[in-house]
Structure formats: C-alpha cells, structure tokens
Amino acid sequence: MKNISDSVFFAGIVLGFGAATVQAYFNLIPPMAYGVCMVCHPKELVNWLADHLLNTHWGYSMAAINAPIMTVVGVALGAGIAALRHHEFKWRPARQPILYFIFGFLMINFGLILGSCPIRIVLLSAYGSIVGLIGWACIIIGVGVGIVAMRWNASRSI
C-alpha cells in the first residue's frame, strides 16, 4: 500500500487547502479563468521581478500584485526533490539539442502570443469568450499538426 504522503489525493488536499489559505490570509485572488501555466507564470515572475528590482513597468496580472507568482519555481523544485527522493534523477544529454531548443523557443513564444495556457483558453471558452474559442481551435489544430509530424518522423526511422 502506498504511503499517504506519496498519494495524489494527499497532494490535492494539501494544494487545495494551501490555495484557500493563501487566498484568505494574503488576499491573493487570481483573475477570472486563471490556471496553472508554464508559459504565463514565468512571464509573470520575470515581469514582477523586473518591475520591483529594475523599475521597468512591464506590468503583470492582478494575481501578482501582492507577491510574485512562484508556480514554476515550485514545480521545478518539487519535481527535482521527488526525483532525488525516488532515485530517478539523472542528467541525460539531449539527442538533438539545437532542434529541441528551437522547438522549445517556438512553443514558448506561441504560448506568449496566445497569451494564455490551454487550461485558461478552455475556461475562457466556457465563459463564452471569442478569443478563448479561437485560441482553443488553434490549440486543436496545432496538436493535430504535431501528431501528424511525429507520426511522419517515426515512420521515416523504421
């Protein structure tokens, strides 16, 4: 049987109560349809740090008015600690580092152009936002093109 501290259920309980506590005691209330995003949150963190350390006035969302959004730092540290704890942490060289860099660069920039993560786009669509619906359609098309490209690449290597 799994230890309760290793379960997804326990993590959900801790995160849920943690989020409610932060909202209640620190008055941090996320804007409408604000999800967990590895594109938007690094941008918010960089903008918050630049504004507070360098006085740049780049701006950030209402969720970062009282404190920086540390989601990406928490995810990276949590993943690293979990990998170390379970003896799964290994450095492996990338097979095609230049290609991975280019694709990662394009992905993050397309995410910033879209201005949202897929979770937020779906939530905005549920609110009836036309931008959300267009963004959702673009994500579906992009996933379809990616699947076709990956299948084509896999068939070439056989």
C-alpha atoms as a PDB file:
ATOM      1  CA  MET A   1       0.000   0.000   0.000  1.00  0.00           C
ATOM      2  CA  LYS A   2       1.198   3.488  -0.831  1.00  0.00           C
ATOM      3  CA  ASN A   3       2.198   5.877   1.881  1.00  0.00           C
ATOM      4  CA  ILE A   4      -0.457   8.615   2.168  1.00  0.00           C
ATOM      5  CA  SER A   5       2.176  11.341   1.791  1.00  0.00           C
ATOM      6  CA  ASP A   6       3.040   9.913  -1.660  1.00  0.00           C
ATOM      7  CA  SER A   7      -0.537   9.861  -2.942  1.00  0.00           C
ATOM      8  CA  VAL A   8      -2.126  12.167  -5.467  1.00  0.00           C
ATOM      9  CA  PHE A   9      -5.108  12.512  -3.142  1.00  0.00           C
ATOM     10  CA  PHE A  10      -2.903  13.852  -0.335  1.00  0.00           C
ATOM     11  CA  ALA A  11      -1.200  16.280  -2.731  1.00  0.00           C
ATOM     12  CA  GLY A  12      -4.594  17.555  -3.887  1.00  0.00           C
ATOM     13  CA  ILE A  13      -5.763  18.079  -0.307  1.00  0.00           C
ATOM     14  CA  VAL A  14      -2.580  19.965   0.628  1.00  0.00           C
ATOM     15  CA  LEU A  15      -2.663  22.116  -2.516  1.00  0.00           C
ATOM     16  CA  GLY A  16      -6.372  22.859  -2.177  1.00  0.00           C
ATOM     17  CA  PHE A  17      -6.134  23.920   1.464  1.00  0.00           C
ATOM     18  CA  GLY A  18      -2.895  25.764   0.733  1.00  0.00           C
ATOM     19  CA  ALA A  19      -4.505  27.770  -2.059  1.00  0.00           C
ATOM     20  CA  ALA A  20      -7.541  28.564   0.091  1.00  0.00           C
ATOM     21  CA  THR A  21      -5.295  29.649   2.981  1.00  0.00           C
ATOM     22  CA  VAL A  22      -3.171  31.902   0.772  1.00  0.00           C
ATOM     23  CA  GLN A  23      -6.288  33.493  -0.713  1.00  0.00           C
ATOM     24  CA  ALA A  24      -7.892  34.010   2.701  1.00  0.00           C
ATOM     25  CA  TYR A  25      -4.910  35.369   4.644  1.00  0.00           C
ATOM     26  CA  PHE A  26      -2.845  37.144   1.992  1.00  0.00           C
ATOM     27  CA  ASN A  27      -5.720  38.446  -0.156  1.00  0.00           C
ATOM     28  CA  LEU A  28      -4.309  36.751  -3.269  1.00  0.00           C
ATOM     29  CA  ILE A  29      -7.245  36.193  -5.571  1.00  0.00           C
ATOM     30  CA  PRO A  30      -6.499  35.004  -9.099  1.00  0.00           C
ATOM     31  CA  PRO A  31      -8.244  36.686 -12.004  1.00  0.00           C
ATOM     32  CA  MET A  32     -11.135  35.007 -13.809  1.00  0.00           C
ATOM     33  CA  ALA A  33     -10.116  31.754 -15.529  1.00  0.00           C
ATOM     34  CA  TYR A  34      -6.534  31.860 -14.282  1.00  0.00           C
ATOM     35  CA  GLY A  35      -4.943  28.410 -14.469  1.00  0.00           C
ATOM     36  CA  VAL A  36      -1.546  26.874 -13.761  1.00  0.00           C
ATOM     37  CA  CYS A  37       0.671  27.611 -16.731  1.00  0.00           C
ATOM     38  CA  MET A  38       4.331  27.078 -17.514  1.00  0.00           C
ATOM     39  CA  VAL A  39       4.185  29.880 -20.113  1.00  0.00           C
ATOM     40  CA  CYS A  40       2.269  32.654 -18.354  1.00  0.00           C
ATOM     41  CA  HIS A  41       3.661  32.159 -14.869  1.00  0.00           C
ATOM     42  CA  PRO A  42       7.360  32.517 -15.801  1.00  0.00           C
ATOM     43  CA  LYS A  43       6.421  35.680 -17.722  1.00  0.00           C
ATOM     44  CA  GLU A  44       4.578  36.984 -14.655  1.00  0.00           C
ATOM     45  CA  LEU A  45       7.542  36.159 -12.404  1.00  0.00           C
ATOM     46  CA  VAL A  46      10.067  37.835 -14.716  1.00  0.00           C
ATOM     47  CA  ASN A  47       7.845  40.897 -15.138  1.00  0.00           C
ATOM     48  CA  TRP A  48       7.234  41.159 -11.375  1.00  0.00           C
ATOM     49  CA  LEU A  49      10.955  40.868 -10.602  1.00  0.00           C
ATOM     50  CA  ALA A  50      11.869  43.384 -13.325  1.00  0.00           C
ATOM     51  CA  ASP A  51       9.258  45.850 -12.101  1.00  0.00           C
ATOM     52  CA  HIS A  52      10.307  45.572  -8.448  1.00  0.00           C
ATOM     53  CA  LEU A  53      14.074  45.316  -8.899  1.00  0.00           C
ATOM     54  CA  LEU A  54      14.680  47.402 -12.036  1.00  0.00           C
ATOM     55  CA  ASN A  55      11.607  49.682 -12.050  1.00  0.00           C
ATOM     56  CA  THR A  56      10.745  48.686 -15.647  1.00  0.00           C
ATOM     57  CA  HIS A  57       6.907  48.976 -15.535  1.00  0.00           C
ATOM     58  CA  TRP A  58       6.405  45.877 -17.711  1.00  0.00           C
ATOM     59  CA  GLY A  59       3.222  45.006 -15.883  1.00  0.00           C
ATOM     60  CA  TYR A  60       1.766  41.748 -14.628  1.00  0.00           C
ATOM     61  CA  SER A  61      -1.608  40.210 -13.804  1.00  0.00           C
ATOM     62  CA  MET A  62      -3.752  41.023 -10.800  1.00  0.00           C
ATOM     63  CA  ALA A  63      -2.718  37.711  -9.255  1.00  0.00           C
ATOM     64  CA  ALA A  64       0.834  39.044  -8.811  1.00  0.00           C
ATOM     65  CA  ILE A  65       0.005  42.407  -7.236  1.00  0.00           C
ATOM     66  CA  ASN A  66       0.840  41.373  -3.660  1.00  0.00           C
ATOM     67  CA  ALA A  67       3.548  38.781  -4.333  1.00  0.00           C
ATOM     68  CA  PRO A  68       5.372  37.159  -7.260  1.00  0.00           C
ATOM     69  CA  ILE A  69       3.868  34.056  -8.841  1.00  0.00           C
ATOM     70  CA  MET A  70       6.255  31.254  -7.888  1.00  0.00           C
ATOM     71  CA  THR A  71       4.480  28.351  -9.615  1.00  0.00           C
ATOM     72  CA  VAL A  72       7.366  27.472 -11.937  1.00  0.00           C
ATOM     73  CA  VAL A  73       9.926  27.594  -9.135  1.00  0.00           C
ATOM     74  CA  GLY A  74       7.719  25.320  -7.018  1.00  0.00           C
ATOM     75  CA  VAL A  75       7.123  22.851  -9.843  1.00  0.00           C
ATOM     76  CA  ALA A  76      10.829  22.670 -10.712  1.00  0.00           C
ATOM     77  CA  LEU A  77      11.917  22.267  -7.076  1.00  0.00           C
ATOM     78  CA  GLY A  78       9.143  19.756  -6.356  1.00  0.00           C
ATOM     79  CA  ALA A  79       9.993  17.666  -9.412  1.00  0.00           C
ATOM     80  CA  GLY A  80      13.689  17.738  -8.560  1.00  0.00           C
ATOM     81  CA  ILE A  81      13.110  16.760  -4.923  1.00  0.00           C
ATOM     82  CA  ALA A  82      10.692  13.971  -5.921  1.00  0.00           C
ATOM     83  CA  ALA A  83      13.163  12.630  -8.499  1.00  0.00           C
ATOM     84  CA  LEU A  84      16.012  12.694  -5.970  1.00  0.00           C
ATOM     85  CA  ARG A  85      13.860  11.088  -3.268  1.00  0.00           C
ATOM     86  CA  HIS A  86      12.898   8.211  -5.563  1.00  0.00           C
ATOM     87  CA  HIS A  87      16.407   7.860  -7.046  1.00  0.00           C
ATOM     88  CA  GLU A  88      15.212   8.798 -10.536  1.00  0.00           C
ATOM     89  CA  PHE A  89      17.218  11.992 -11.039  1.00  0.00           C
ATOM     90  CA  LYS A  90      19.661  11.614 -13.934  1.00  0.00           C
ATOM     91  CA  TRP A  91      21.312  14.069 -16.289  1.00  0.00           C
ATOM     92  CA  ARG A  92      20.932  12.902 -19.857  1.00  0.00           C
ATOM     93  CA  PRO A  93      22.235  14.724 -22.897  1.00  0.00           C
ATOM     94  CA  ALA A  94      19.644  15.732 -25.459  1.00  0.00           C
ATOM     95  CA  ARG A  95      19.770  13.766 -28.690  1.00  0.00           C
ATOM     96  CA  GLN A  96      19.173  16.841 -30.838  1.00  0.00           C
ATOM     97  CA  PRO A  97      19.831  19.859 -28.582  1.00  0.00           C
ATOM     98  CA  ILE A  98      19.578  22.523 -31.280  1.00  0.00           C
ATOM     99  CA  LEU A  99      16.265  21.162 -32.566  1.00  0.00           C
ATOM    100  CA  TYR A 100      14.894  20.864 -29.004  1.00  0.00           C
ATOM    101  CA  PHE A 101      15.958  24.449 -28.300  1.00  0.00           C
ATOM    102  CA  ILE A 102      14.285  25.746 -31.476  1.00  0.00           C
ATOM    103  CA  PHE A 103      11.047  23.853 -30.790  1.00  0.00           C
ATOM    104  CA  GLY A 104      11.020  24.968 -27.138  1.00  0.00           C
ATOM    105  CA  PHE A 105      11.648  28.570 -28.182  1.00  0.00           C
ATOM    106  CA  LEU A 106       8.809  28.422 -30.716  1.00  0.00           C
ATOM    107  CA  MET A 107       6.441  26.754 -28.248  1.00  0.00           C
ATOM    108  CA  ILE A 108       7.019  29.333 -25.514  1.00  0.00           C
ATOM    109  CA  ASN A 109       6.680  32.227 -27.958  1.00  0.00           C
ATOM    110  CA  PHE A 110       3.486  30.852 -29.486  1.00  0.00           C
ATOM    111  CA  GLY A 111       2.169  30.459 -25.941  1.00  0.00           C
ATOM    112  CA  LEU A 112       3.027  34.075 -25.198  1.00  0.00           C
ATOM    113  CA  ILE A 113       1.426  35.233 -28.444  1.00  0.00           C
ATOM    114  CA  LEU A 114      -1.712  33.315 -27.491  1.00  0.00           C
ATOM    115  CA  GLY A 115      -1.408  34.979 -24.092  1.00  0.00           C
ATOM    116  CA  SER A 116      -2.648  32.013 -22.140  1.00  0.00           C
ATOM    117  CA  CYS A 117      -2.231  28.402 -21.263  1.00  0.00           C
ATOM    118  CA  PRO A 118      -4.569  25.734 -22.636  1.00  0.00           C
ATOM    119  CA  ILE A 119      -6.388  25.475 -19.301  1.00  0.00           C
ATOM    120  CA  ARG A 120      -7.194  29.185 -19.339  1.00  0.00           C
ATOM    121  CA  ILE A 121      -8.217  29.069 -23.002  1.00  0.00           C
ATOM    122  CA  VAL A 122     -10.731  26.298 -22.281  1.00  0.00           C
ATOM    123  CA  LEU A 123     -12.016  28.195 -19.240  1.00  0.00           C
ATOM    124  CA  LEU A 124     -12.354  31.387 -21.274  1.00  0.00           C
ATOM    125  CA  SER A 125     -14.235  29.394 -23.929  1.00  0.00           C
ATOM    126  CA  ALA A 126     -16.599  28.185 -21.213  1.00  0.00           C
ATOM    127  CA  TYR A 127     -17.185  31.839 -20.286  1.00  0.00           C
ATOM    128  CA  GLY A 128     -18.115  32.442 -23.934  1.00  0.00           C
ATOM    129  CA  SER A 129     -15.016  34.445 -24.913  1.00  0.00           C
ATOM    130  CA  ILE A 130     -14.434  34.584 -28.677  1.00  0.00           C
ATOM    131  CA  VAL A 131     -10.676  34.859 -28.057  1.00  0.00           C
ATOM    132  CA  GLY A 132     -10.908  31.674 -25.986  1.00  0.00           C
ATOM    133  CA  LEU A 133     -12.790  29.850 -28.747  1.00  0.00           C
ATOM    134  CA  ILE A 134     -10.291  30.947 -31.409  1.00  0.00           C
ATOM    135  CA  GLY A 135      -7.374  30.014 -29.146  1.00  0.00           C
ATOM    136  CA  TRP A 136      -8.898  26.615 -28.438  1.00  0.00           C
ATOM    137  CA  ALA A 137      -9.335  25.965 -32.164  1.00  0.00           C
ATOM    138  CA  CYS A 138      -5.692  26.960 -32.753  1.00  0.00           C
ATOM    139  CA  ILE A 139      -4.530  24.584 -29.998  1.00  0.00           C
ATOM    140  CA  ILE A 140      -6.520  21.715 -31.532  1.00  0.00           C
ATOM    141  CA  ILE A 141      -5.058  22.439 -34.970  1.00  0.00           C
ATOM    142  CA  GLY A 142      -1.545  22.681 -33.504  1.00  0.00           C
ATOM    143  CA  VAL A 143      -1.891  19.364 -31.675  1.00  0.00           C
ATOM    144  CA  GLY A 144      -3.172  17.730 -34.863  1.00  0.00           C
ATOM    145  CA  VAL A 145      -0.250  19.081 -36.908  1.00  0.00           C
ATOM    146  CA  GLY A 146       2.156  17.934 -34.183  1.00  0.00           C
ATOM    147  CA  ILE A 147       0.710  14.414 -34.206  1.00  0.00           C
ATOM    148  CA  VAL A 148       0.985  14.190 -37.980  1.00  0.00           C
ATOM    149  CA  ALA A 149       4.591  15.450 -37.850  1.00  0.00           C
ATOM    150  CA  MET A 150       5.564  12.982 -35.113  1.00  0.00           C
ATOM    151  CA  ARG A 151       3.983  10.057 -36.977  1.00  0.00           C
ATOM    152  CA  TRP A 152       5.739  11.089 -40.190  1.00  0.00           C
ATOM    153  CA  ASN A 153       9.070  11.328 -38.343  1.00  0.00           C
ATOM    154  CA  ALA A 154       8.513   7.932 -36.680  1.00  0.00           C
ATOM    155  CA  SER A 155       7.659   6.275 -39.998  1.00  0.00           C
ATOM    156  CA  ARG A 156      10.882   7.611 -41.538  1.00  0.00           C
ATOM    157  CA  SER A 157      13.012   5.974 -38.835  1.00  0.00           C
ATOM    158  CA  ILE A 158      11.588   2.451 -39.318  1.00  0.00           C
END
